[in-house]
């Protein structure tokens, strides 16, 4: 089955307004709420992020270590959000099981796993020297 690209009509860009920016922010916050409400892994990421932030505070990590930890936490959240969006779109477009949909979902889940493992390594690199001093 060949893929045909849909031709969409050109849309006129919306003017920049504060109202439209706040509306966009509302949509984004609704997405975060959806992640936390419907994705159990997102709730696990939230708990892990809070524990990391508390440990970083207790260890008085340096500013660059804060930056690296925050990038790792943000990367995991980004991967989880993209994974969830791919799952929602795939289910909406093709509700029945399909081998290519499964592969797409598996690869998206792999991205979350890979970034989570990377974040774990970052956490170990930052915290092991502090915890070794205890």
N, C-alpha and C. Protein backbone atom coordinates (compact mmCIF):
# COMPACT_ATOMS: atom_id res chain seq x y z
N UNK A 1 0.85 -1.17 0.00
CA UNK A 1 0.00 0.00 0.00
C UNK A 1 0.89 1.24 0.00
N UNK A 2 0.73 2.07 -0.99
CA UNK A 2 1.56 3.27 -1.12
C UNK A 2 0.99 4.38 -0.24
N UNK A 3 1.88 5.19 0.26
CA UNK A 3 1.49 6.31 1.10
C UNK A 3 1.34 7.54 0.23
N UNK A 4 0.18 8.20 0.31
CA UNK A 4 -0.03 9.45 -0.41
C UNK A 4 -0.12 10.58 0.58
N UNK A 5 0.63 11.58 0.33
CA UNK A 5 0.64 12.74 1.21
C UNK A 5 -0.60 13.58 0.95
N UNK A 6 -1.29 13.92 2.02
CA UNK A 6 -2.49 14.74 1.89
C UNK A 6 -2.09 16.18 1.59
N UNK A 7 -2.82 16.80 0.70
CA UNK A 7 -2.59 18.21 0.38
C UNK A 7 -3.57 19.02 1.21
N UNK A 8 -3.03 19.81 2.10
CA UNK A 8 -3.87 20.62 2.97
C UNK A 8 -3.94 22.05 2.45
N UNK A 9 -5.08 22.69 2.65
CA UNK A 9 -5.17 24.09 2.22
C UNK A 9 -4.24 24.95 3.08
N UNK A 10 -3.67 25.97 2.47
CA UNK A 10 -2.79 26.87 3.21
C UNK A 10 -3.65 27.67 4.18
N UNK A 11 -3.16 27.72 5.41
CA UNK A 11 -3.91 28.49 6.41
C UNK A 11 -3.19 29.81 6.67
N UNK A 12 -3.98 30.78 6.98
CA UNK A 12 -3.45 32.10 7.29
C UNK A 12 -2.93 32.08 8.73
N UNK A 13 -1.70 32.50 8.96
CA UNK A 13 -1.18 32.46 10.33
C UNK A 13 -1.98 33.39 11.24
N UNK A 14 -2.18 32.89 12.47
CA UNK A 14 -2.91 33.71 13.45
C UNK A 14 -2.02 34.85 13.91
N UNK A 15 -2.63 36.00 14.18
CA UNK A 15 -1.83 37.10 14.72
C UNK A 15 -1.40 36.78 16.15
N UNK A 16 -0.26 37.32 16.55
CA UNK A 16 0.24 37.10 17.90
C UNK A 16 -0.56 37.95 18.87
N UNK A 17 -1.20 37.29 19.82
CA UNK A 17 -1.91 38.01 20.88
C UNK A 17 -1.62 37.31 22.20
N UNK A 18 -1.74 38.06 23.29
CA UNK A 18 -1.55 37.46 24.60
C UNK A 18 -2.62 36.41 24.86
N UNK A 19 -3.83 36.68 24.40
CA UNK A 19 -4.93 35.73 24.59
C UNK A 19 -4.60 34.39 23.94
N UNK A 20 -4.07 34.43 22.71
CA UNK A 20 -3.75 33.18 22.02
C UNK A 20 -2.58 32.46 22.70
N UNK A 21 -1.63 33.21 23.27
CA UNK A 21 -0.50 32.59 23.99
C UNK A 21 -1.00 31.90 25.25
N UNK A 22 -1.90 32.57 25.99
CA UNK A 22 -2.45 31.95 27.19
C UNK A 22 -3.30 30.73 26.83
N UNK A 23 -4.00 30.80 25.71
CA UNK A 23 -4.78 29.66 25.26
C UNK A 23 -3.85 28.48 24.93
N UNK A 24 -2.75 28.77 24.25
CA UNK A 24 -1.77 27.73 23.94
C UNK A 24 -1.19 27.12 25.21
N UNK A 25 -0.91 27.97 26.19
CA UNK A 25 -0.39 27.49 27.47
C UNK A 25 -1.42 26.59 28.15
N UNK A 26 -2.68 26.95 28.04
CA UNK A 26 -3.74 26.12 28.61
C UNK A 26 -3.79 24.74 27.98
N UNK A 27 -3.63 24.69 26.65
CA UNK A 27 -3.60 23.39 25.96
C UNK A 27 -2.41 22.56 26.44
N UNK A 28 -1.26 23.20 26.59
CA UNK A 28 -0.06 22.49 27.05
C UNK A 28 -0.25 21.96 28.47
N UNK A 29 -0.82 22.77 29.34
CA UNK A 29 -1.06 22.31 30.72
C UNK A 29 -2.09 21.19 30.75
N UNK A 30 -3.07 21.23 29.84
CA UNK A 30 -4.03 20.13 29.74
C UNK A 30 -3.31 18.85 29.33
N UNK A 31 -2.30 18.97 28.48
CA UNK A 31 -1.51 17.81 28.09
C UNK A 31 -0.73 17.23 29.26
N UNK A 32 -0.16 18.11 30.08
CA UNK A 32 0.56 17.64 31.28
C UNK A 32 -0.41 16.93 32.22
N UNK A 33 -1.58 17.53 32.41
CA UNK A 33 -2.59 16.92 33.28
C UNK A 33 -3.02 15.56 32.74
N UNK A 34 -3.17 15.46 31.42
CA UNK A 34 -3.54 14.18 30.80
C UNK A 34 -2.46 13.14 31.04
N UNK A 35 -1.20 13.54 30.88
CA UNK A 35 -0.10 12.62 31.15
C UNK A 35 -0.18 12.07 32.57
N UNK A 36 -0.34 12.96 33.53
CA UNK A 36 -0.36 12.55 34.93
C UNK A 36 -1.61 11.75 35.28
N UNK A 37 -2.72 12.06 34.64
CA UNK A 37 -3.98 11.39 34.94
C UNK A 37 -4.05 9.99 34.32
N UNK A 38 -3.53 9.84 33.10
CA UNK A 38 -3.77 8.62 32.35
C UNK A 38 -2.54 7.74 32.12
N UNK A 39 -1.36 8.22 32.41
CA UNK A 39 -0.15 7.45 32.15
C UNK A 39 0.55 7.12 33.46
N UNK A 40 0.47 5.84 33.87
CA UNK A 40 1.08 5.50 35.16
C UNK A 40 2.59 5.71 35.16
N UNK A 41 3.25 5.52 34.02
CA UNK A 41 4.69 5.77 33.97
C UNK A 41 5.01 7.25 34.19
N UNK A 42 4.14 8.14 33.74
CA UNK A 42 4.37 9.57 33.98
C UNK A 42 4.31 9.86 35.48
N UNK A 43 3.42 9.19 36.18
CA UNK A 43 3.36 9.38 37.64
C UNK A 43 4.63 8.85 38.30
N UNK A 44 5.16 7.73 37.80
CA UNK A 44 6.43 7.23 38.33
C UNK A 44 7.57 8.21 38.04
N UNK A 45 7.57 8.80 36.85
CA UNK A 45 8.58 9.80 36.51
C UNK A 45 8.46 11.01 37.43
N UNK A 46 7.23 11.39 37.77
CA UNK A 46 7.02 12.54 38.66
C UNK A 46 7.60 12.26 40.04
N UNK A 47 7.35 11.08 40.56
CA UNK A 47 7.90 10.71 41.88
C UNK A 47 9.42 10.68 41.82
N UNK A 48 9.97 10.07 40.77
CA UNK A 48 11.42 10.01 40.63
C UNK A 48 12.02 11.41 40.53
N UNK A 49 11.37 12.28 39.77
CA UNK A 49 11.87 13.66 39.62
C UNK A 49 11.86 14.38 40.96
N UNK A 50 10.80 14.22 41.74
CA UNK A 50 10.74 14.87 43.05
C UNK A 50 11.83 14.33 43.98
N UNK A 51 12.06 13.03 43.95
CA UNK A 51 13.13 12.45 44.78
C UNK A 51 14.50 12.98 44.37
N UNK A 52 14.73 13.08 43.07
CA UNK A 52 16.01 13.60 42.57
C UNK A 52 16.18 15.06 43.00
N UNK A 53 15.12 15.85 42.87
CA UNK A 53 15.21 17.27 43.25
C UNK A 53 15.45 17.42 44.75
N UNK A 54 14.79 16.60 45.57
CA UNK A 54 15.02 16.66 47.02
C UNK A 54 16.45 16.26 47.36
N UNK A 55 16.94 15.19 46.73
CA UNK A 55 18.31 14.74 46.99
C UNK A 55 19.32 15.79 46.54
N UNK A 56 19.06 16.42 45.41
CA UNK A 56 19.96 17.48 44.93
C UNK A 56 20.00 18.64 45.91
N UNK A 57 18.85 18.98 46.46
CA UNK A 57 18.79 20.05 47.46
C UNK A 57 19.55 19.65 48.72
N UNK A 58 19.32 18.42 49.19
CA UNK A 58 19.98 17.96 50.41
C UNK A 58 21.49 17.84 50.25
N UNK A 59 21.94 17.49 49.05
CA UNK A 59 23.38 17.35 48.79
C UNK A 59 24.03 18.67 48.41
N UNK A 60 23.25 19.72 48.27
CA UNK A 60 23.76 21.03 47.86
C UNK A 60 24.63 20.91 46.61
N UNK A 61 24.06 20.30 45.57
CA UNK A 61 24.82 20.12 44.34
C UNK A 61 25.13 21.48 43.72
N UNK A 62 26.17 21.49 42.90
CA UNK A 62 26.59 22.73 42.24
C UNK A 62 25.61 23.11 41.13
N UNK A 63 25.69 24.36 40.69
CA UNK A 63 24.75 24.85 39.68
C UNK A 63 24.81 24.05 38.39
N UNK A 64 25.98 23.68 37.94
CA UNK A 64 26.07 22.91 36.70
C UNK A 64 25.45 21.53 36.88
N UNK A 65 25.55 20.97 38.09
CA UNK A 65 24.92 19.68 38.35
C UNK A 65 23.39 19.81 38.36
N UNK A 66 22.89 20.92 38.90
CA UNK A 66 21.45 21.19 38.82
C UNK A 66 21.02 21.22 37.35
N UNK A 67 21.81 21.91 36.54
CA UNK A 67 21.46 22.04 35.12
C UNK A 67 21.40 20.67 34.45
N UNK A 68 22.39 19.84 34.72
CA UNK A 68 22.44 18.51 34.10
C UNK A 68 21.27 17.65 34.59
N UNK A 69 20.98 17.71 35.88
CA UNK A 69 19.86 16.94 36.43
C UNK A 69 18.53 17.41 35.83
N UNK A 70 18.36 18.72 35.73
CA UNK A 70 17.11 19.25 35.16
C UNK A 70 16.96 18.88 33.69
N UNK A 71 18.06 18.89 32.95
CA UNK A 71 18.00 18.45 31.55
C UNK A 71 17.63 16.97 31.45
N UNK A 72 18.17 16.16 32.34
CA UNK A 72 17.84 14.73 32.33
C UNK A 72 16.37 14.51 32.67
N UNK A 73 15.88 15.21 33.69
CA UNK A 73 14.47 15.09 34.07
C UNK A 73 13.58 15.57 32.93
N UNK A 74 13.91 16.72 32.36
CA UNK A 74 13.13 17.25 31.25
C UNK A 74 13.14 16.34 30.05
N UNK A 75 14.27 15.70 29.78
CA UNK A 75 14.35 14.78 28.65
C UNK A 75 13.46 13.56 28.82
N UNK A 76 13.41 13.04 30.04
CA UNK A 76 12.53 11.90 30.30
C UNK A 76 11.07 12.31 30.10
N UNK A 77 10.70 13.49 30.61
CA UNK A 77 9.32 13.98 30.45
C UNK A 77 9.01 14.21 28.97
N UNK A 78 9.96 14.76 28.24
CA UNK A 78 9.76 14.99 26.81
C UNK A 78 9.53 13.66 26.08
N UNK A 79 10.37 12.68 26.36
CA UNK A 79 10.22 11.37 25.72
C UNK A 79 8.88 10.74 26.07
N UNK A 80 8.47 10.84 27.33
CA UNK A 80 7.18 10.27 27.76
C UNK A 80 6.02 10.97 27.06
N UNK A 81 6.09 12.29 26.93
CA UNK A 81 5.02 13.03 26.27
C UNK A 81 4.93 12.66 24.79
N UNK A 82 6.06 12.57 24.12
CA UNK A 82 6.05 12.20 22.70
C UNK A 82 5.56 10.77 22.52
N UNK A 83 5.99 9.87 23.39
CA UNK A 83 5.52 8.49 23.35
C UNK A 83 4.00 8.43 23.49
N UNK A 84 3.47 9.17 24.44
CA UNK A 84 2.02 9.18 24.67
C UNK A 84 1.29 9.76 23.47
N UNK A 85 1.82 10.84 22.90
CA UNK A 85 1.18 11.44 21.73
C UNK A 85 1.16 10.45 20.56
N UNK A 86 2.26 9.73 20.36
CA UNK A 86 2.31 8.73 19.29
C UNK A 86 1.29 7.63 19.54
N UNK A 87 1.19 7.18 20.78
CA UNK A 87 0.20 6.15 21.11
C UNK A 87 -1.22 6.63 20.83
N UNK A 88 -1.55 7.84 21.27
CA UNK A 88 -2.89 8.38 21.05
C UNK A 88 -3.20 8.50 19.55
N UNK A 89 -2.25 9.06 18.80
CA UNK A 89 -2.47 9.22 17.36
C UNK A 89 -2.61 7.88 16.65
N UNK A 90 -1.75 6.93 17.02
CA UNK A 90 -1.82 5.62 16.39
C UNK A 90 -3.15 4.94 16.68
N UNK A 91 -3.61 5.02 17.92
CA UNK A 91 -4.88 4.40 18.28
C UNK A 91 -6.05 5.08 17.58
N UNK A 92 -5.97 6.40 17.41
CA UNK A 92 -7.04 7.13 16.73
C UNK A 92 -7.07 6.81 15.24
N UNK A 93 -5.91 6.69 14.64
CA UNK A 93 -5.83 6.45 13.19
C UNK A 93 -6.10 5.00 12.81
N UNK A 94 -5.72 4.09 13.68
CA UNK A 94 -5.85 2.67 13.34
C UNK A 94 -6.14 1.90 14.63
N UNK A 95 -7.41 1.88 15.09
CA UNK A 95 -7.73 1.25 16.38
C UNK A 95 -7.44 -0.26 16.44
N UNK A 96 -7.50 -0.93 15.28
CA UNK A 96 -7.20 -2.36 15.27
C UNK A 96 -5.69 -2.57 15.37
N UNK A 97 -5.32 -3.78 15.77
CA UNK A 97 -3.89 -4.08 15.85
C UNK A 97 -3.30 -4.13 14.45
N UNK A 98 -2.11 -3.57 14.33
CA UNK A 98 -1.41 -3.55 13.05
C UNK A 98 0.08 -3.66 13.35
N UNK A 99 0.82 -4.46 12.59
CA UNK A 99 2.24 -4.65 12.91
C UNK A 99 3.07 -3.37 12.85
N UNK A 100 2.76 -2.47 11.92
CA UNK A 100 3.54 -1.22 11.85
C UNK A 100 3.20 -0.28 13.00
N UNK A 101 1.93 -0.27 13.42
CA UNK A 101 1.55 0.54 14.59
C UNK A 101 2.27 0.00 15.82
N UNK A 102 2.32 -1.32 15.96
CA UNK A 102 3.03 -1.91 17.09
C UNK A 102 4.50 -1.51 17.07
N UNK A 103 5.12 -1.57 15.91
CA UNK A 103 6.53 -1.20 15.81
C UNK A 103 6.74 0.26 16.18
N UNK A 104 5.86 1.14 15.70
CA UNK A 104 5.98 2.57 16.03
C UNK A 104 5.85 2.78 17.53
N UNK A 105 4.88 2.11 18.15
CA UNK A 105 4.70 2.25 19.60
C UNK A 105 5.90 1.68 20.36
N UNK A 106 6.43 0.56 19.89
CA UNK A 106 7.59 -0.04 20.55
C UNK A 106 8.81 0.87 20.48
N UNK A 107 9.02 1.49 19.33
CA UNK A 107 10.17 2.39 19.17
C UNK A 107 9.99 3.63 20.05
N UNK A 108 8.76 4.16 20.11
CA UNK A 108 8.50 5.32 20.96
C UNK A 108 8.73 4.96 22.43
N UNK A 109 8.30 3.78 22.84
CA UNK A 109 8.53 3.33 24.21
C UNK A 109 10.03 3.13 24.47
N UNK A 110 10.74 2.65 23.46
CA UNK A 110 12.19 2.48 23.59
C UNK A 110 12.88 3.82 23.83
N UNK A 111 12.38 4.88 23.21
CA UNK A 111 12.97 6.21 23.42
C UNK A 111 12.84 6.61 24.89
N UNK A 112 11.69 6.33 25.49
CA UNK A 112 11.50 6.64 26.91
C UNK A 112 12.47 5.81 27.75
N UNK A 113 12.56 4.53 27.45
CA UNK A 113 13.46 3.66 28.20
C UNK A 113 14.91 4.13 28.09
N UNK A 114 15.35 4.43 26.88
CA UNK A 114 16.74 4.85 26.67
C UNK A 114 17.05 6.16 27.40
N UNK A 115 16.12 7.11 27.34
CA UNK A 115 16.38 8.38 28.02
C UNK A 115 16.31 8.19 29.54
N UNK A 116 15.42 7.31 30.00
CA UNK A 116 15.33 7.04 31.44
C UNK A 116 16.62 6.41 31.95
N UNK A 117 17.17 5.47 31.19
CA UNK A 117 18.45 4.86 31.59
C UNK A 117 19.58 5.88 31.57
N UNK A 118 19.56 6.76 30.58
CA UNK A 118 20.56 7.83 30.53
C UNK A 118 20.43 8.74 31.74
N UNK A 119 19.19 9.08 32.10
CA UNK A 119 18.95 9.93 33.27
C UNK A 119 19.43 9.24 34.54
N UNK A 120 19.24 7.93 34.62
CA UNK A 120 19.73 7.18 35.78
C UNK A 120 21.25 7.28 35.87
N UNK A 121 21.93 7.12 34.74
CA UNK A 121 23.39 7.25 34.73
C UNK A 121 23.83 8.66 35.13
N UNK A 122 23.13 9.66 34.65
CA UNK A 122 23.43 11.05 35.04
C UNK A 122 23.28 11.19 36.55
N UNK A 123 22.18 10.66 37.09
CA UNK A 123 21.97 10.73 38.53
C UNK A 123 23.08 10.05 39.31
N UNK A 124 23.52 8.90 38.84
CA UNK A 124 24.62 8.21 39.52
C UNK A 124 25.91 9.03 39.45
N UNK A 125 26.19 9.59 38.29
CA UNK A 125 27.41 10.41 38.16
C UNK A 125 27.38 11.62 39.08
N UNK A 126 26.22 12.21 39.26
CA UNK A 126 26.11 13.39 40.12
C UNK A 126 26.12 13.00 41.59
N UNK A 127 25.33 11.99 41.97
CA UNK A 127 25.08 11.75 43.40
C UNK A 127 26.07 10.81 44.07
N UNK A 128 26.69 9.89 43.36
CA UNK A 128 27.59 8.93 44.01
C UNK A 128 28.72 9.65 44.77
N UNK A 129 29.38 10.65 44.19
CA UNK A 129 30.43 11.34 44.97
C UNK A 129 29.91 11.99 46.25
N UNK A 130 28.70 12.53 46.22
CA UNK A 130 28.13 13.15 47.42
C UNK A 130 27.77 12.08 48.45
N UNK A 131 27.16 11.00 48.00
CA UNK A 131 26.74 9.95 48.93
C UNK A 131 27.93 9.18 49.49
N UNK A 132 29.03 9.14 48.76
CA UNK A 132 30.24 8.47 49.25
C UNK A 132 30.84 9.22 50.44
N UNK A 133 30.54 10.50 50.57
CA UNK A 133 31.07 11.30 51.68
C UNK A 133 30.30 11.08 52.98
N UNK A 134 29.14 10.44 52.91
CA UNK A 134 28.33 10.22 54.12
C UNK A 134 28.89 9.16 55.01
